[in-house]
Amino acid sequence: MDKASLLDLFDYTGWVWDQIQAAVPDDQTLVVVAPGSGWPALRNCLGHMILAYDRWVPAIVTLKTGLMAQVADGDFRAWPQLDAERARTREALRAAIDRWTEAELQQVHEVNVDGSPVKYSRAELILHLLLHERGHHGDVTTLFWQLGIEAETAFEYRFHLSRD
């Protein structure tokens, strides 16, 4: 995937985050138990998406993954913490994407993934991370339904395209 496409997907995942926050502006809804969703609460899903950046951004930059942290009981219970952690991780990724040339993004490297060497380009790793987040947008839609929040198809890419 080329740099322009990666940046578009990066922008799309940011846009969806804004849609999620607009639909759930209060902290109380983040912690409401949502049985049947596969996640204990919305905060767990959103926190997991953020923690994935902590695992994969180092892999993208240093070519070595970190451990995948789990959402702790006291974490991600309010929007200020969610937003601060998300901004921290996304700013690091965006700065890395911006500084690399197209050729640097496409160059294949040996990446240490949990102790095993795997060949990836930085573009592939970035795509992996952003598509991981995109996959969890479906979980958020399910959580919305469980919580009685009207979601319809708000996260569809076509709505992102018409945002301007």
C-alpha atoms as a PDB file:
ATOM      1  CA  MET A   1       0.000   0.000   0.000  1.00  0.00           C
ATOM      2  CA  ASP A   2       1.385   3.387  -0.916  1.00  0.00           C
ATOM      3  CA  LYS A   3       1.910   6.288   1.479  1.00  0.00           C
ATOM      4  CA  ALA A   4      -1.114   8.281   0.277  1.00  0.00           C
ATOM      5  CA  SER A   5      -3.397   5.292   0.852  1.00  0.00           C
ATOM      6  CA  LEU A   6      -1.937   4.665   4.300  1.00  0.00           C
ATOM      7  CA  LEU A   7      -2.546   8.290   5.230  1.00  0.00           C
ATOM      8  CA  ASP A   8      -6.120   8.062   3.962  1.00  0.00           C
ATOM      9  CA  LEU A   9      -6.745   4.964   6.099  1.00  0.00           C
ATOM     10  CA  PHE A  10      -5.107   6.737   9.035  1.00  0.00           C
ATOM     11  CA  ASP A  11      -7.456   9.700   8.534  1.00  0.00           C
ATOM     12  CA  TYR A  12     -10.435   7.368   8.181  1.00  0.00           C
ATOM     13  CA  THR A  13      -9.734   5.645  11.507  1.00  0.00           C
ATOM     14  CA  GLY A  14      -9.435   9.087  13.119  1.00  0.00           C
ATOM     15  CA  TRP A  15     -12.731  10.135  11.601  1.00  0.00           C
ATOM     16  CA  VAL A  16     -14.458   7.011  12.933  1.00  0.00           C
ATOM     17  CA  TRP A  17     -13.065   7.705  16.405  1.00  0.00           C
ATOM     18  CA  ASP A  18     -14.674  11.137  16.232  1.00  0.00           C
ATOM     19  CA  GLN A  19     -17.984   9.515  15.227  1.00  0.00           C
ATOM     20  CA  ILE A  20     -17.784   7.123  18.179  1.00  0.00           C
ATOM     21  CA  GLN A  21     -17.131   9.967  20.596  1.00  0.00           C
ATOM     22  CA  ALA A  22     -19.958  12.028  19.128  1.00  0.00           C
ATOM     23  CA  ALA A  23     -22.356   9.100  19.618  1.00  0.00           C
ATOM     24  CA  VAL A  24     -21.134   8.438  23.175  1.00  0.00           C
ATOM     25  CA  PRO A  25     -20.042  11.768  24.649  1.00  0.00           C
ATOM     26  CA  ASP A  26     -20.550  10.760  28.286  1.00  0.00           C
ATOM     27  CA  ASP A  27     -18.131   8.736  30.380  1.00  0.00           C
ATOM     28  CA  GLN A  28     -20.895   6.687  32.011  1.00  0.00           C
ATOM     29  CA  THR A  29     -21.731   4.859  28.777  1.00  0.00           C
ATOM     30  CA  LEU A  30     -18.105   3.795  28.359  1.00  0.00           C
ATOM     31  CA  VAL A  31     -18.325   1.558  31.423  1.00  0.00           C
ATOM     32  CA  VAL A  32     -21.854   0.145  31.075  1.00  0.00           C
ATOM     33  CA  VAL A  33     -21.786  -3.654  30.838  1.00  0.00           C
ATOM     34  CA  ALA A  34     -22.820  -4.782  27.348  1.00  0.00           C
ATOM     35  CA  PRO A  35     -23.711  -8.478  27.570  1.00  0.00           C
ATOM     36  CA  GLY A  36     -23.569 -10.412  24.327  1.00  0.00           C
ATOM     37  CA  SER A  37     -21.188  -8.042  22.605  1.00  0.00           C
ATOM     38  CA  GLY A  38     -17.998 -10.024  23.169  1.00  0.00           C
ATOM     39  CA  TRP A  39     -16.545  -7.129  25.181  1.00  0.00           C
ATOM     40  CA  PRO A  40     -17.342  -6.363  28.822  1.00  0.00           C
ATOM     41  CA  ALA A  41     -17.937  -2.688  27.970  1.00  0.00           C
ATOM     42  CA  LEU A  42     -17.204  -0.122  25.283  1.00  0.00           C
ATOM     43  CA  ARG A  43     -14.105   1.071  27.189  1.00  0.00           C
ATOM     44  CA  ASN A  44     -12.560  -2.395  26.845  1.00  0.00           C
ATOM     45  CA  CYS A  45     -12.870  -2.418  23.067  1.00  0.00           C
ATOM     46  CA  LEU A  46     -11.657   1.160  22.658  1.00  0.00           C
ATOM     47  CA  GLY A  47      -8.811   0.571  25.106  1.00  0.00           C
ATOM     48  CA  HIS A  48      -7.758  -2.557  23.223  1.00  0.00           C
ATOM     49  CA  MET A  49      -7.582  -0.564  19.983  1.00  0.00           C
ATOM     50  CA  ILE A  50      -5.304   1.979  21.684  1.00  0.00           C
ATOM     51  CA  LEU A  51      -3.107  -0.652  23.314  1.00  0.00           C
ATOM     52  CA  ALA A  52      -2.546  -2.264  19.912  1.00  0.00           C
ATOM     53  CA  TYR A  53      -0.755   0.949  18.895  1.00  0.00           C
ATOM     54  CA  ASP A  54       1.586   0.510  21.881  1.00  0.00           C
ATOM     55  CA  ARG A  55       2.428  -2.966  20.584  1.00  0.00           C
ATOM     56  CA  TRP A  56       2.765  -2.223  16.879  1.00  0.00           C
ATOM     57  CA  VAL A  57       4.133   1.330  16.614  1.00  0.00           C
ATOM     58  CA  PRO A  58       7.439   0.192  18.165  1.00  0.00           C
ATOM     59  CA  ALA A  59       7.487  -2.705  15.698  1.00  0.00           C
ATOM     60  CA  ILE A  60       6.979  -0.269  12.854  1.00  0.00           C
ATOM     61  CA  VAL A  61       9.731   2.067  14.091  1.00  0.00           C
ATOM     62  CA  THR A  62      12.282  -0.312  15.661  1.00  0.00           C
ATOM     63  CA  LEU A  63      11.222  -3.534  13.895  1.00  0.00           C
ATOM     64  CA  LYS A  64      10.517  -5.346  17.173  1.00  0.00           C
ATOM     65  CA  THR A  65       7.074  -5.866  18.722  1.00  0.00           C
ATOM     66  CA  GLY A  66       6.326  -5.203  22.325  1.00  0.00           C
ATOM     67  CA  LEU A  67       3.899  -7.139  24.467  1.00  0.00           C
ATOM     68  CA  MET A  68       0.171  -6.654  23.986  1.00  0.00           C
ATOM     69  CA  ALA A  69      -1.066  -5.086  27.193  1.00  0.00           C
ATOM     70  CA  GLN A  70      -4.530  -5.823  28.508  1.00  0.00           C
ATOM     71  CA  VAL A  71      -7.077  -3.229  29.587  1.00  0.00           C
ATOM     72  CA  ALA A  72      -6.806  -2.975  33.376  1.00  0.00           C
ATOM     73  CA  ASP A  73      -9.827  -2.453  35.628  1.00  0.00           C
ATOM     74  CA  GLY A  74      -9.078   1.229  36.226  1.00  0.00           C
ATOM     75  CA  ASP A  75      -8.121   2.098  32.654  1.00  0.00           C
ATOM     76  CA  PHE A  76     -10.088   3.862  29.933  1.00  0.00           C
ATOM     77  CA  ARG A  77     -13.063   4.785  32.102  1.00  0.00           C
ATOM     78  CA  ALA A  78     -13.307   8.363  30.829  1.00  0.00           C
ATOM     79  CA  TRP A  79     -12.853  10.168  27.516  1.00  0.00           C
ATOM     80  CA  PRO A  80      -9.944  12.346  28.690  1.00  0.00           C
ATOM     81  CA  GLN A  81      -7.792   9.246  29.304  1.00  0.00           C
ATOM     82  CA  LEU A  82      -8.923   7.584  26.075  1.00  0.00           C
ATOM     83  CA  ASP A  83      -8.216  10.711  24.052  1.00  0.00           C
ATOM     84  CA  ALA A  84      -4.827  11.353  25.667  1.00  0.00           C
ATOM     85  CA  GLU A  85      -3.596   7.810  25.123  1.00  0.00           C
ATOM     86  CA  ARG A  86      -4.952   7.671  21.590  1.00  0.00           C
ATOM     87  CA  ALA A  87      -3.354  11.005  20.692  1.00  0.00           C
ATOM     88  CA  ARG A  88      -0.012   9.869  22.109  1.00  0.00           C
ATOM     89  CA  THR A  89       0.061   6.654  20.107  1.00  0.00           C
ATOM     90  CA  ARG A  90      -1.388   8.062  16.889  1.00  0.00           C
ATOM     91  CA  GLU A  91       0.931  11.074  16.888  1.00  0.00           C
ATOM     92  CA  ALA A  92       3.921   8.724  17.104  1.00  0.00           C
ATOM     93  CA  LEU A  93       2.618   6.707  14.152  1.00  0.00           C
ATOM     94  CA  ARG A  94       1.790   9.764  12.066  1.00  0.00           C
ATOM     95  CA  ALA A  95       5.237  11.277  12.674  1.00  0.00           C
ATOM     96  CA  ALA A  96       6.856   8.039  11.544  1.00  0.00           C
ATOM     97  CA  ILE A  97       4.751   7.822   8.387  1.00  0.00           C
ATOM     98  CA  ASP A  98       5.513  11.452   7.564  1.00  0.00           C
ATOM     99  CA  ARG A  99       9.275  11.072   7.893  1.00  0.00           C
ATOM    100  CA  TRP A 100       9.626   7.958   5.708  1.00  0.00           C
ATOM    101  CA  THR A 101       9.781   8.095   1.940  1.00  0.00           C
ATOM    102  CA  GLU A 102       7.665   5.834  -0.227  1.00  0.00           C
ATOM    103  CA  ALA A 103      10.716   3.595  -0.808  1.00  0.00           C
ATOM    104  CA  GLU A 104      11.437   3.391   2.930  1.00  0.00           C
ATOM    105  CA  LEU A 105       7.845   2.395   3.636  1.00  0.00           C
ATOM    106  CA  GLN A 106       7.965  -0.359   1.013  1.00  0.00           C
ATOM    107  CA  GLN A 107      11.391  -1.781   1.961  1.00  0.00           C
ATOM    108  CA  VAL A 108      11.062  -5.264   3.461  1.00  0.00           C
ATOM    109  CA  HIS A 109      12.753  -5.840   6.822  1.00  0.00           C
ATOM    110  CA  GLU A 110      13.108  -8.724   9.196  1.00  0.00           C
ATOM    111  CA  VAL A 111      10.797  -7.904  12.089  1.00  0.00           C
ATOM    112  CA  ASN A 112      10.973  -9.583  15.473  1.00  0.00           C
ATOM    113  CA  VAL A 113       7.384 -10.610  16.211  1.00  0.00           C
ATOM    114  CA  ASP A 114       7.235 -12.250  19.614  1.00  0.00           C
ATOM    115  CA  GLY A 115      10.731 -13.653  19.196  1.00  0.00           C
ATOM    116  CA  SER A 116      10.279 -14.910  15.636  1.00  0.00           C
ATOM    117  CA  PRO A 117      11.723 -13.181  12.577  1.00  0.00           C
ATOM    118  CA  VAL A 118       9.073 -12.302   9.983  1.00  0.00           C
ATOM    119  CA  LYS A 119       9.603 -10.280   6.801  1.00  0.00           C
ATOM    120  CA  TYR A 120       7.426  -7.175   6.552  1.00  0.00           C
ATOM    121  CA  SER A 121       7.624  -3.727   5.088  1.00  0.00           C
ATOM    122  CA  ARG A 122       6.749  -0.815   7.337  1.00  0.00           C
ATOM    123  CA  ALA A 123       3.779  -0.136   5.053  1.00  0.00           C
ATOM    124  CA  GLU A 124       2.497  -3.676   5.700  1.00  0.00           C
ATOM    125  CA  LEU A 125       2.856  -3.225   9.450  1.00  0.00           C
ATOM    126  CA  ILE A 126       1.051   0.121   9.358  1.00  0.00           C
ATOM    127  CA  LEU A 127      -1.703  -1.426   7.258  1.00  0.00           C
ATOM    128  CA  HIS A 128      -1.965  -4.306   9.736  1.00  0.00           C
ATOM    129  CA  LEU A 129      -2.404  -1.895  12.640  1.00  0.00           C
ATOM    130  CA  LEU A 130      -4.959   0.325  10.909  1.00  0.00           C
ATOM    131  CA  LEU A 131      -6.979  -2.644   9.630  1.00  0.00           C
ATOM    132  CA  HIS A 132      -6.920  -4.109  13.137  1.00  0.00           C
ATOM    133  CA  GLU A 133      -8.594  -0.936  14.344  1.00  0.00           C
ATOM    134  CA  ARG A 134     -10.999  -1.005  11.397  1.00  0.00           C
ATOM    135  CA  GLY A 135     -11.986  -4.553  12.304  1.00  0.00           C
ATOM    136  CA  HIS A 136     -12.945  -3.444  15.792  1.00  0.00           C
ATOM    137  CA  HIS A 137     -15.294  -0.826  14.357  1.00  0.00           C
ATOM    138  CA  GLY A 138     -17.692  -3.747  13.850  1.00  0.00           C
ATOM    139  CA  ASP A 139     -17.358  -4.567  17.540  1.00  0.00           C
ATOM    140  CA  VAL A 140     -18.173  -0.958  18.396  1.00  0.00           C
ATOM    141  CA  THR A 141     -21.290  -1.160  16.216  1.00  0.00           C
ATOM    142  CA  THR A 142     -22.344  -4.307  18.112  1.00  0.00           C
ATOM    143  CA  LEU A 143     -21.643  -2.583  21.436  1.00  0.00           C
ATOM    144  CA  PHE A 144     -23.743   0.372  20.321  1.00  0.00           C
ATOM    145  CA  TRP A 145     -26.617  -1.961  19.511  1.00  0.00           C
ATOM    146  CA  GLN A 146     -26.276  -3.686  22.905  1.00  0.00           C
ATOM    147  CA  LEU A 147     -26.273  -0.287  24.612  1.00  0.00           C
ATOM    148  CA  GLY A 148     -29.268   1.014  22.652  1.00  0.00           C
ATOM    149  CA  ILE A 149     -27.265   3.552  20.657  1.00  0.00           C
ATOM    150  CA  GLU A 150     -28.359   4.078  17.055  1.00  0.00           C
ATOM    151  CA  ALA A 151     -25.342   3.313  14.889  1.00  0.00           C
ATOM    152  CA  GLU A 152     -26.796   2.294  11.517  1.00  0.00           C
ATOM    153  CA  THR A 153     -23.870   2.527   9.102  1.00  0.00           C
ATOM    154  CA  ALA A 154     -22.193   5.649  10.465  1.00  0.00           C
ATOM    155  CA  PHE A 155     -18.690   4.175  10.234  1.00  0.00           C
ATOM    156  CA  GLU A 156     -18.887   3.283   6.558  1.00  0.00           C
ATOM    157  CA  TYR A 157     -16.004   4.530   4.455  1.00  0.00           C
ATOM    158  CA  ARG A 158     -18.389   6.228   2.013  1.00  0.00           C
ATOM    159  CA  PHE A 159     -19.431   8.649   4.761  1.00  0.00           C
ATOM    160  CA  HIS A 160     -15.776   9.396   5.450  1.00  0.00           C
ATOM    161  CA  LEU A 161     -15.299  10.237   1.778  1.00  0.00           C
ATOM    162  CA  SER A 162     -18.118  12.773   1.866  1.00  0.00           C
ATOM    163  CA  ARG A 163     -16.926  14.491   5.067  1.00  0.00           C
ATOM    164  CA  ASP A 164     -15.564  17.504   3.179  1.00  0.00           C
END
